N, C-alpha and C. Protein backbone atom coordinates (compact mmCIF):
# COMPACT_ATOMS: atom_id res chain seq x y z
N UNK A 1 -12.47 -87.83 20.48
CA UNK A 1 -12.75 -89.08 19.82
C UNK A 1 -12.47 -90.20 20.82
N UNK A 2 -13.44 -91.11 20.94
CA UNK A 2 -13.25 -92.24 21.84
C UNK A 2 -12.26 -93.23 21.25
N UNK A 3 -11.71 -94.07 22.10
CA UNK A 3 -10.80 -95.12 21.63
C UNK A 3 -11.53 -96.04 20.67
N UNK A 4 -12.78 -96.36 20.97
CA UNK A 4 -13.57 -97.21 20.08
C UNK A 4 -13.69 -96.58 18.69
N UNK A 5 -13.99 -95.30 18.63
CA UNK A 5 -14.12 -94.61 17.35
C UNK A 5 -12.81 -94.62 16.57
N UNK A 6 -11.72 -94.41 17.28
CA UNK A 6 -10.41 -94.41 16.62
C UNK A 6 -10.09 -95.79 16.05
N UNK A 7 -10.38 -96.84 16.81
CA UNK A 7 -10.14 -98.20 16.33
C UNK A 7 -10.99 -98.53 15.11
N UNK A 8 -12.27 -98.15 15.15
CA UNK A 8 -13.17 -98.40 14.03
C UNK A 8 -12.74 -97.61 12.79
N UNK A 9 -12.32 -96.38 12.99
CA UNK A 9 -11.86 -95.54 11.89
C UNK A 9 -10.67 -96.20 11.19
N UNK A 10 -9.70 -96.64 11.98
CA UNK A 10 -8.51 -97.26 11.41
C UNK A 10 -8.83 -98.60 10.76
N UNK A 11 -9.73 -99.37 11.38
CA UNK A 11 -10.10 -100.68 10.85
C UNK A 11 -10.77 -100.55 9.48
N UNK A 12 -11.55 -99.50 9.29
CA UNK A 12 -12.23 -99.29 8.01
C UNK A 12 -11.38 -98.50 7.02
N UNK A 13 -10.17 -98.12 7.42
CA UNK A 13 -9.26 -97.44 6.51
C UNK A 13 -9.53 -95.95 6.35
N UNK A 14 -10.22 -95.35 7.32
CA UNK A 14 -10.50 -93.92 7.27
C UNK A 14 -9.43 -93.14 8.03
N UNK A 15 -9.27 -91.89 7.65
CA UNK A 15 -8.37 -90.99 8.37
C UNK A 15 -9.21 -89.96 9.13
N UNK A 16 -8.57 -89.20 9.97
CA UNK A 16 -9.27 -88.14 10.69
C UNK A 16 -9.81 -87.10 9.71
N UNK A 17 -9.17 -86.95 8.55
CA UNK A 17 -9.64 -86.01 7.53
C UNK A 17 -10.96 -86.50 6.93
N UNK A 18 -11.11 -87.82 6.78
CA UNK A 18 -12.38 -88.38 6.29
C UNK A 18 -13.50 -88.10 7.28
N UNK A 19 -13.22 -88.29 8.56
CA UNK A 19 -14.22 -88.04 9.61
C UNK A 19 -14.59 -86.56 9.63
N UNK A 20 -13.60 -85.71 9.58
CA UNK A 20 -13.85 -84.26 9.59
C UNK A 20 -14.69 -83.85 8.39
N UNK A 21 -14.35 -84.33 7.21
CA UNK A 21 -15.11 -83.98 6.01
C UNK A 21 -16.55 -84.46 6.12
N UNK A 22 -16.74 -85.66 6.65
CA UNK A 22 -18.08 -86.21 6.82
C UNK A 22 -18.91 -85.33 7.75
N UNK A 23 -18.31 -84.89 8.85
CA UNK A 23 -19.03 -84.04 9.80
C UNK A 23 -19.36 -82.68 9.21
N UNK A 24 -18.44 -82.12 8.44
CA UNK A 24 -18.63 -80.77 7.90
C UNK A 24 -19.60 -80.73 6.71
N UNK A 25 -19.70 -81.81 5.98
CA UNK A 25 -20.51 -81.80 4.76
C UNK A 25 -21.71 -82.74 4.83
N UNK A 26 -21.79 -83.56 5.88
CA UNK A 26 -22.84 -84.57 5.96
C UNK A 26 -24.15 -84.04 6.51
N UNK A 27 -25.09 -84.96 6.63
CA UNK A 27 -26.41 -84.64 7.17
C UNK A 27 -26.76 -85.62 8.30
N UNK A 28 -27.54 -85.15 9.23
CA UNK A 28 -27.99 -86.01 10.33
C UNK A 28 -29.02 -86.99 9.79
N UNK A 29 -28.75 -88.29 9.99
CA UNK A 29 -29.68 -89.30 9.49
C UNK A 29 -30.51 -89.91 10.61
N UNK A 30 -30.06 -89.77 11.87
CA UNK A 30 -30.89 -90.23 12.99
C UNK A 30 -30.46 -89.54 14.27
N UNK A 31 -31.44 -89.46 15.17
CA UNK A 31 -31.21 -88.91 16.50
C UNK A 31 -31.65 -89.97 17.49
N UNK A 32 -30.83 -90.21 18.49
CA UNK A 32 -31.14 -91.25 19.48
C UNK A 32 -30.97 -90.67 20.87
N UNK A 33 -31.72 -91.21 21.82
CA UNK A 33 -31.58 -90.81 23.22
C UNK A 33 -31.18 -92.03 24.02
N UNK A 34 -30.09 -91.93 24.77
CA UNK A 34 -29.64 -93.02 25.62
C UNK A 34 -30.64 -93.20 26.75
N UNK A 35 -31.08 -94.43 26.98
CA UNK A 35 -32.11 -94.68 27.99
C UNK A 35 -31.65 -94.37 29.41
N UNK A 36 -30.41 -94.70 29.71
CA UNK A 36 -29.90 -94.47 31.06
C UNK A 36 -29.55 -93.02 31.33
N UNK A 37 -28.70 -92.48 30.49
CA UNK A 37 -28.16 -91.13 30.75
C UNK A 37 -29.02 -90.01 30.15
N UNK A 38 -29.93 -90.36 29.25
CA UNK A 38 -30.78 -89.39 28.55
C UNK A 38 -29.98 -88.49 27.61
N UNK A 39 -28.72 -88.85 27.32
CA UNK A 39 -27.90 -88.08 26.38
C UNK A 39 -28.40 -88.31 24.96
N UNK A 40 -28.30 -87.27 24.16
CA UNK A 40 -28.67 -87.37 22.75
C UNK A 40 -27.45 -87.75 21.93
N UNK A 41 -27.65 -88.67 20.98
CA UNK A 41 -26.61 -89.06 20.04
C UNK A 41 -27.13 -88.78 18.64
N UNK A 42 -26.22 -88.47 17.73
CA UNK A 42 -26.58 -88.13 16.37
C UNK A 42 -25.73 -88.95 15.40
N UNK A 43 -26.35 -89.57 14.41
CA UNK A 43 -25.64 -90.27 13.35
C UNK A 43 -25.62 -89.34 12.14
N UNK A 44 -24.42 -89.07 11.65
CA UNK A 44 -24.23 -88.14 10.53
C UNK A 44 -23.61 -88.89 9.37
N UNK A 45 -24.28 -88.88 8.22
CA UNK A 45 -23.74 -89.52 7.02
C UNK A 45 -23.12 -88.47 6.13
N UNK A 46 -21.87 -88.74 5.73
CA UNK A 46 -21.16 -87.82 4.84
C UNK A 46 -20.22 -88.59 3.94
N UNK A 47 -19.34 -87.88 3.30
CA UNK A 47 -18.40 -88.47 2.34
C UNK A 47 -16.97 -88.37 2.87
N UNK A 48 -16.15 -89.30 2.42
CA UNK A 48 -14.74 -89.26 2.78
C UNK A 48 -14.08 -88.04 2.16
N UNK A 49 -12.88 -87.74 2.58
CA UNK A 49 -12.17 -86.53 2.12
C UNK A 49 -11.97 -86.54 0.60
N UNK A 50 -11.75 -87.71 0.03
CA UNK A 50 -11.56 -87.79 -1.42
C UNK A 50 -12.88 -88.03 -2.16
N UNK A 51 -14.00 -87.97 -1.43
CA UNK A 51 -15.35 -88.09 -1.99
C UNK A 51 -15.61 -89.45 -2.64
N UNK A 52 -14.95 -90.51 -2.14
CA UNK A 52 -15.10 -91.82 -2.76
C UNK A 52 -15.99 -92.78 -1.96
N UNK A 53 -16.19 -92.51 -0.68
CA UNK A 53 -16.90 -93.45 0.19
C UNK A 53 -17.85 -92.70 1.12
N UNK A 54 -19.03 -93.28 1.34
CA UNK A 54 -19.93 -92.77 2.37
C UNK A 54 -19.52 -93.35 3.71
N UNK A 55 -19.56 -92.51 4.75
CA UNK A 55 -19.32 -93.01 6.09
C UNK A 55 -20.29 -92.36 7.05
N UNK A 56 -20.51 -93.04 8.17
CA UNK A 56 -21.39 -92.53 9.21
C UNK A 56 -20.55 -92.30 10.45
N UNK A 57 -20.74 -91.13 11.04
CA UNK A 57 -20.05 -90.76 12.27
C UNK A 57 -21.13 -90.55 13.33
N UNK A 58 -21.02 -91.26 14.46
CA UNK A 58 -21.98 -91.11 15.55
C UNK A 58 -21.32 -90.24 16.62
N UNK A 59 -22.03 -89.17 17.00
CA UNK A 59 -21.47 -88.18 17.92
C UNK A 59 -22.47 -87.84 19.03
N UNK A 60 -21.95 -87.20 20.08
CA UNK A 60 -22.78 -86.61 21.12
C UNK A 60 -22.08 -85.35 21.60
N UNK A 61 -22.81 -84.52 22.31
CA UNK A 61 -22.21 -83.35 22.94
C UNK A 61 -21.76 -83.75 24.33
N UNK A 62 -20.51 -83.49 24.64
CA UNK A 62 -19.96 -83.82 25.95
C UNK A 62 -20.46 -82.86 27.02
N UNK A 63 -20.08 -83.13 28.25
CA UNK A 63 -20.55 -82.34 29.38
C UNK A 63 -20.17 -80.87 29.31
N UNK A 64 -19.04 -80.57 28.67
CA UNK A 64 -18.61 -79.17 28.58
C UNK A 64 -18.89 -78.58 27.19
N UNK A 65 -19.75 -79.26 26.43
CA UNK A 65 -20.17 -78.71 25.15
C UNK A 65 -19.30 -79.07 23.96
N UNK A 66 -18.30 -79.93 24.15
CA UNK A 66 -17.46 -80.35 23.05
C UNK A 66 -18.06 -81.57 22.36
N UNK A 67 -17.85 -81.68 21.07
CA UNK A 67 -18.35 -82.82 20.31
C UNK A 67 -17.49 -84.05 20.60
N UNK A 68 -18.14 -85.16 20.93
CA UNK A 68 -17.45 -86.42 21.19
C UNK A 68 -17.82 -87.39 20.07
N UNK A 69 -16.83 -87.91 19.37
CA UNK A 69 -17.05 -88.88 18.31
C UNK A 69 -17.07 -90.26 18.95
N UNK A 70 -18.22 -90.95 18.85
CA UNK A 70 -18.41 -92.22 19.51
C UNK A 70 -17.98 -93.40 18.64
N UNK A 71 -18.33 -93.36 17.36
CA UNK A 71 -17.92 -94.42 16.45
C UNK A 71 -17.98 -93.92 15.01
N UNK A 72 -17.34 -94.67 14.14
CA UNK A 72 -17.25 -94.35 12.72
C UNK A 72 -17.40 -95.66 11.96
N UNK A 73 -18.18 -95.65 10.89
CA UNK A 73 -18.26 -96.86 10.07
C UNK A 73 -18.63 -96.53 8.63
N UNK A 74 -18.27 -97.44 7.72
CA UNK A 74 -18.58 -97.27 6.30
C UNK A 74 -20.05 -97.52 6.09
N UNK A 75 -20.63 -96.79 5.16
CA UNK A 75 -22.06 -96.95 4.89
C UNK A 75 -22.27 -97.44 3.48
């Protein structure tokens, strides 16, 4: 998780459990390609852990194949 994503998560009142639940139960709503690096990014919309709020988590696959969480926001 990037520092930016962590700050956004806390600012919106989400926990890491909300982010995890969103990733595990959500759906991809958009795919983007970075113009410079050609990396693919994915926006995933899901629900918070208590199923009360929709949130979007933007992720990419890192160089060694690990998921990197770029940002989190309420939807």
